[in-house]
Amino acid sequence: MSEQAPTKLDLSTTQALLDVVIDISEEFKAVDLRALKVTDICSFTDYFVVMTGTSTTHIKSITEEIMMRCKKNGRKPSDIEGVSAAEWTLLDFGDVIVHVFSSEKRAFYNLEELWAEAEQAYPPADAEPA
């Protein structure tokens, strides 16, 4: 049997990128994962993906996996912040901005409250609690 190369993902759409970021975050056990649709209330992006890592190692692992898989599929963030300190990392893909926080930094910056008018895209509002 011959091994097939992994299928390349098409990350050219915002929804495809968002789905991959959410899938990776779930796979890596990010805590309290949220995607906020800010298209109608924000001029510089369509979605914020916000999550908590349980340690600096966990935060780095989530961030690096998102960067690696997206890069392999043709999407590189235009800006990367905070990876060395790993208390709050930011990956700016333009249409999707990913925030991976420590619990302390997430509580301090409270992006969900700042963007309270945003539609919660993930988890869906009608989803059962985990």
Protein backbone atom coordinates (compact mmCIF):
# COMPACT_ATOMS: atom_id res chain seq x y z
CA MET A 1 0.00 0.00 0.00
CA SER A 2 1.25 3.44 -0.84
CA GLU A 3 0.65 6.36 1.47
CA GLN A 4 -1.18 9.31 0.01
CA ALA A 5 -0.06 12.84 0.70
CA PRO A 6 -2.41 14.74 3.00
CA THR A 7 -5.09 16.63 1.11
CA LYS A 8 -4.38 20.34 0.90
CA LEU A 9 -7.14 22.45 2.39
CA ASP A 10 -8.64 25.42 0.58
CA LEU A 11 -8.41 28.24 3.11
CA SER A 12 -9.26 30.99 0.63
CA THR A 13 -12.62 31.74 2.26
CA THR A 14 -13.19 33.26 5.66
CA GLN A 15 -15.49 30.41 6.68
CA ALA A 16 -12.93 27.74 5.73
CA LEU A 17 -10.21 29.50 7.74
CA LEU A 18 -12.55 29.95 10.70
CA ASP A 19 -13.53 26.26 10.60
CA VAL A 20 -9.89 25.12 10.56
CA VAL A 21 -8.93 27.42 13.44
CA ILE A 22 -11.88 26.12 15.49
CA ASP A 23 -11.06 22.48 14.63
CA ILE A 24 -7.41 22.86 15.66
CA SER A 25 -8.39 24.69 18.86
CA GLU A 26 -10.82 21.91 19.79
CA GLU A 27 -8.26 19.23 18.91
CA PHE A 28 -5.71 20.91 21.19
CA LYS A 29 -8.28 21.21 24.00
CA ALA A 30 -8.50 25.01 24.15
CA VAL A 31 -10.69 26.13 27.04
CA ASP A 32 -13.85 28.24 26.58
CA LEU A 33 -13.47 28.56 22.81
CA ARG A 34 -15.55 31.34 21.25
CA ALA A 35 -15.81 32.84 17.77
CA LEU A 36 -17.34 36.30 17.58
CA LYS A 37 -18.70 37.56 14.28
CA VAL A 38 -17.87 41.27 14.21
CA THR A 39 -18.42 41.95 10.50
CA ASP A 40 -21.11 44.58 11.10
CA ILE A 41 -19.45 46.34 14.04
CA CYS A 42 -15.72 46.22 13.22
CA SER A 43 -13.89 47.72 10.26
CA PHE A 44 -10.70 45.62 10.37
CA THR A 45 -11.82 41.97 10.64
CA ASP A 46 -14.81 39.64 10.33
CA TYR A 47 -14.18 37.29 13.27
CA PHE A 48 -12.37 37.15 16.57
CA VAL A 49 -11.59 33.66 17.81
CA VAL A 50 -10.96 33.76 21.55
CA MET A 51 -9.80 30.89 23.76
CA THR A 52 -7.84 30.10 26.90
CA GLY A 53 -4.77 27.91 27.24
CA THR A 54 -4.02 26.16 30.52
CA SER A 55 -0.28 26.96 30.56
CA THR A 56 2.32 28.83 28.51
CA THR A 57 3.22 25.52 26.84
CA HIS A 58 -0.43 24.91 25.95
CA ILE A 59 -0.82 28.45 24.58
CA LYS A 60 2.31 28.06 22.43
CA SER A 61 1.20 24.63 21.19
CA ILE A 62 -2.21 25.89 20.07
CA THR A 63 -0.73 28.98 18.44
CA GLU A 64 2.06 27.11 16.65
CA GLU A 65 -0.28 24.41 15.34
CA ILE A 66 -2.68 26.99 13.91
CA MET A 67 0.24 28.82 12.27
CA MET A 68 1.78 25.62 10.88
CA ARG A 69 -1.39 24.12 9.41
CA CYS A 70 -2.57 27.39 7.94
CA LYS A 71 0.85 28.07 6.41
CA LYS A 72 0.92 24.56 4.87
CA ASN A 73 -2.38 25.43 3.23
CA GLY A 74 -1.38 28.83 1.91
CA ARG A 75 -2.56 31.18 4.67
CA LYS A 76 0.04 33.00 6.75
CA PRO A 77 -0.89 35.55 9.39
CA SER A 78 0.08 39.13 8.55
CA ASP A 79 0.94 39.72 12.19
CA ILE A 80 1.97 37.45 15.06
CA GLU A 81 2.24 38.77 18.61
CA GLY A 82 3.08 37.41 22.05
CA VAL A 83 4.36 33.91 21.21
CA SER A 84 7.55 34.21 23.28
CA ALA A 85 5.76 35.27 26.49
CA ALA A 86 2.71 33.08 25.72
CA GLU A 87 0.31 34.90 28.03
CA TRP A 88 -1.70 36.31 25.14
CA THR A 89 -0.87 35.33 21.58
CA LEU A 90 -2.45 36.96 18.57
CA LEU A 91 -2.54 35.70 14.99
CA ASP A 92 -3.91 38.23 12.50
CA PHE A 93 -5.14 36.57 9.31
CA GLY A 94 -7.00 39.74 8.26
CA ASP A 95 -10.52 38.33 8.13
CA VAL A 96 -9.97 36.18 11.24
CA ILE A 97 -7.98 37.28 14.29
CA VAL A 98 -7.07 34.54 16.76
CA HIS A 99 -6.46 35.29 20.45
CA VAL A 100 -5.07 32.60 22.76
CA PHE A 101 -5.01 33.84 26.35
CA SER A 102 -3.89 32.72 29.76
CA SER A 103 -6.92 32.78 32.09
CA GLU A 104 -5.55 35.88 33.85
CA LYS A 105 -5.03 37.87 30.63
CA ARG A 106 -8.39 36.81 29.24
CA ALA A 107 -10.16 38.02 32.38
CA PHE A 108 -8.18 41.28 32.34
CA TYR A 109 -8.77 42.18 28.66
CA ASN A 110 -12.30 40.69 28.55
CA LEU A 111 -12.71 40.89 24.77
CA GLU A 112 -16.12 39.25 24.92
CA GLU A 113 -17.41 42.17 27.00
CA LEU A 114 -15.66 44.72 24.79
CA TRP A 115 -17.34 43.19 21.72
CA ALA A 116 -20.62 42.30 23.49
CA GLU A 117 -22.64 43.42 20.45
CA ALA A 118 -20.99 40.73 18.33
CA GLU A 119 -22.88 37.68 17.16
CA GLN A 120 -21.54 34.50 18.74
CA ALA A 121 -20.64 32.30 15.77
CA TYR A 122 -19.15 29.50 17.85
CA PRO A 123 -20.37 27.69 19.76
CA PRO A 124 -23.77 28.21 18.17
CA ALA A 125 -26.23 29.89 20.51
CA ASP A 126 -28.49 26.83 20.38
CA ALA A 127 -25.68 24.36 21.18
CA GLU A 128 -25.99 22.17 24.24
CA PRO A 129 -23.47 22.99 27.01
CA ALA A 130 -20.52 20.60 27.10
